[in-house]
Amino acid sequence: MGIILIGAFNFTRDNINGNLSGEFFNNLTGVARIETATPLNPTSEFTGQYNTAWRDSDRKTATLSIRNINNTKYQLEWIDDRGGLLFEGEGIVTNEVLWGYYHK
């Protein structure tokens, strides 16, 4: 079994163009990092697909898919450019912020 990665994130949504901005951390980095996402199919909520970018030791990019799975819970998947699953997670929205956890 490889190294297990578990982390937490938050995203806020720009109501003008739908961009997401947020922070994340995980058990391997131990420090908060910035992640940004540009919508591919904008909606009035957090749901949809986004081009997302962040920096660990180097710049990373992926497609972020956010689905509402019931009235309060969201499912997130970060997909690499080859269609492979990088991370998956769940979150909830409180005070217009999407808060959640992710893992590898």
Protein backbone atom coordinates (compact mmCIF):
# COMPACT_ATOMS: atom_id res chain seq x y z
CA MET A 1 0.00 0.00 0.00
CA GLY A 2 1.32 3.46 -0.95
CA ILE A 3 1.31 6.68 0.98
CA ILE A 4 -2.19 7.77 1.96
CA LEU A 5 -3.03 11.40 1.25
CA ILE A 6 -5.89 13.07 3.14
CA GLY A 7 -6.59 16.77 3.03
CA ALA A 8 -9.11 19.58 3.48
CA PHE A 9 -10.14 22.47 1.23
CA ASN A 10 -12.36 25.51 0.93
CA PHE A 11 -13.62 27.36 -2.15
CA THR A 12 -15.41 30.66 -2.56
CA ARG A 13 -17.21 31.52 -5.78
CA ASP A 14 -16.94 34.81 -7.65
CA ASN A 15 -20.55 35.70 -8.53
CA ILE A 16 -19.49 37.73 -11.58
CA ASN A 17 -17.68 35.09 -13.65
CA GLY A 18 -18.03 31.93 -11.53
CA ASN A 19 -14.32 31.47 -10.77
CA LEU A 20 -13.44 29.55 -7.63
CA SER A 21 -10.60 30.47 -5.32
CA GLY A 22 -9.57 28.65 -2.21
CA GLU A 23 -7.00 26.96 -0.06
CA PHE A 24 -6.12 23.38 0.72
CA PHE A 25 -3.76 21.43 2.91
CA ASN A 26 -3.03 17.76 3.43
CA ASN A 27 -1.12 15.39 5.67
CA LEU A 28 1.95 15.50 3.36
CA THR A 29 2.41 19.28 2.94
CA GLY A 30 1.31 20.52 6.36
CA VAL A 31 0.90 24.08 5.03
CA ALA A 32 -2.01 25.83 3.32
CA ARG A 33 -1.72 26.25 -0.46
CA ILE A 34 -3.82 28.21 -2.98
CA GLU A 35 -6.04 26.62 -5.64
CA THR A 36 -7.98 28.48 -8.34
CA ALA A 37 -10.56 27.19 -10.83
CA THR A 38 -12.14 28.64 -13.98
CA PRO A 39 -15.58 27.31 -14.99
CA LEU A 40 -15.98 25.31 -18.20
CA ASN A 41 -19.79 25.30 -17.91
CA PRO A 42 -20.78 28.08 -15.47
CA THR A 43 -23.78 27.66 -13.21
CA SER A 44 -25.23 29.80 -10.45
CA GLU A 45 -23.95 27.32 -7.86
CA PHE A 46 -20.67 25.49 -7.22
CA THR A 47 -21.71 22.60 -9.45
CA GLY A 48 -20.08 22.09 -12.84
CA GLN A 49 -16.69 21.46 -14.40
CA TYR A 50 -13.67 23.68 -13.94
CA ASN A 51 -10.09 24.00 -15.14
CA THR A 52 -8.19 24.10 -11.86
CA ALA A 53 -4.58 24.86 -10.93
CA TRP A 54 -2.51 24.70 -7.75
CA ARG A 55 1.10 24.45 -6.68
CA ASP A 56 2.66 21.70 -4.58
CA SER A 57 6.34 21.27 -5.37
CA ASP A 58 5.47 22.39 -8.92
CA ARG A 59 2.42 23.69 -10.80
CA LYS A 60 -0.42 21.17 -11.19
CA THR A 61 -3.56 21.33 -13.33
CA ALA A 62 -6.68 19.18 -13.61
CA THR A 63 -10.36 19.20 -14.46
CA LEU A 64 -12.44 19.62 -11.31
CA SER A 65 -15.95 18.16 -11.39
CA ILE A 66 -18.40 19.21 -8.66
CA ARG A 67 -21.79 17.51 -8.34
CA ASN A 68 -24.54 18.14 -5.82
CA ILE A 69 -25.47 14.70 -4.49
CA ASN A 70 -28.29 15.87 -2.20
CA ASN A 71 -29.51 19.20 -0.89
CA THR A 72 -26.43 19.83 1.24
CA LYS A 73 -23.60 17.51 0.10
CA TYR A 74 -21.29 17.87 -2.91
CA GLN A 75 -19.02 15.30 -4.57
CA LEU A 76 -15.73 16.51 -6.07
CA GLU A 77 -13.34 14.76 -8.45
CA TRP A 78 -10.01 16.08 -9.74
CA ILE A 79 -9.21 14.41 -13.10
CA ASP A 80 -5.82 14.59 -14.84
CA ASP A 81 -5.39 15.31 -18.57
CA ARG A 82 -5.32 11.57 -19.35
CA GLY A 83 -8.70 11.02 -17.65
CA GLY A 84 -7.25 9.49 -14.48
CA LEU A 85 -8.65 10.23 -11.04
CA LEU A 86 -6.18 12.33 -9.01
CA PHE A 87 -8.32 13.02 -5.93
CA GLU A 88 -11.91 12.65 -4.80
CA GLY A 89 -13.75 14.32 -1.97
CA GLU A 90 -16.95 15.63 -0.47
CA GLY A 91 -18.04 18.99 0.85
CA ILE A 92 -20.85 21.18 2.11
CA VAL A 93 -21.65 24.86 1.60
CA THR A 94 -21.95 27.12 4.62
CA ASN A 95 -21.93 30.93 4.49
CA GLU A 96 -21.28 30.78 0.71
CA VAL A 97 -18.07 28.76 1.17
CA LEU A 98 -17.64 25.16 -0.03
CA TRP A 99 -15.78 23.30 2.75
CA GLY A 100 -14.66 19.71 2.51
CA TYR A 101 -12.12 16.94 2.53
CA TYR A 102 -10.33 15.04 -0.22
CA HIS A 103 -8.16 11.95 -0.51
CA LYS A 104 -6.12 9.99 -2.97
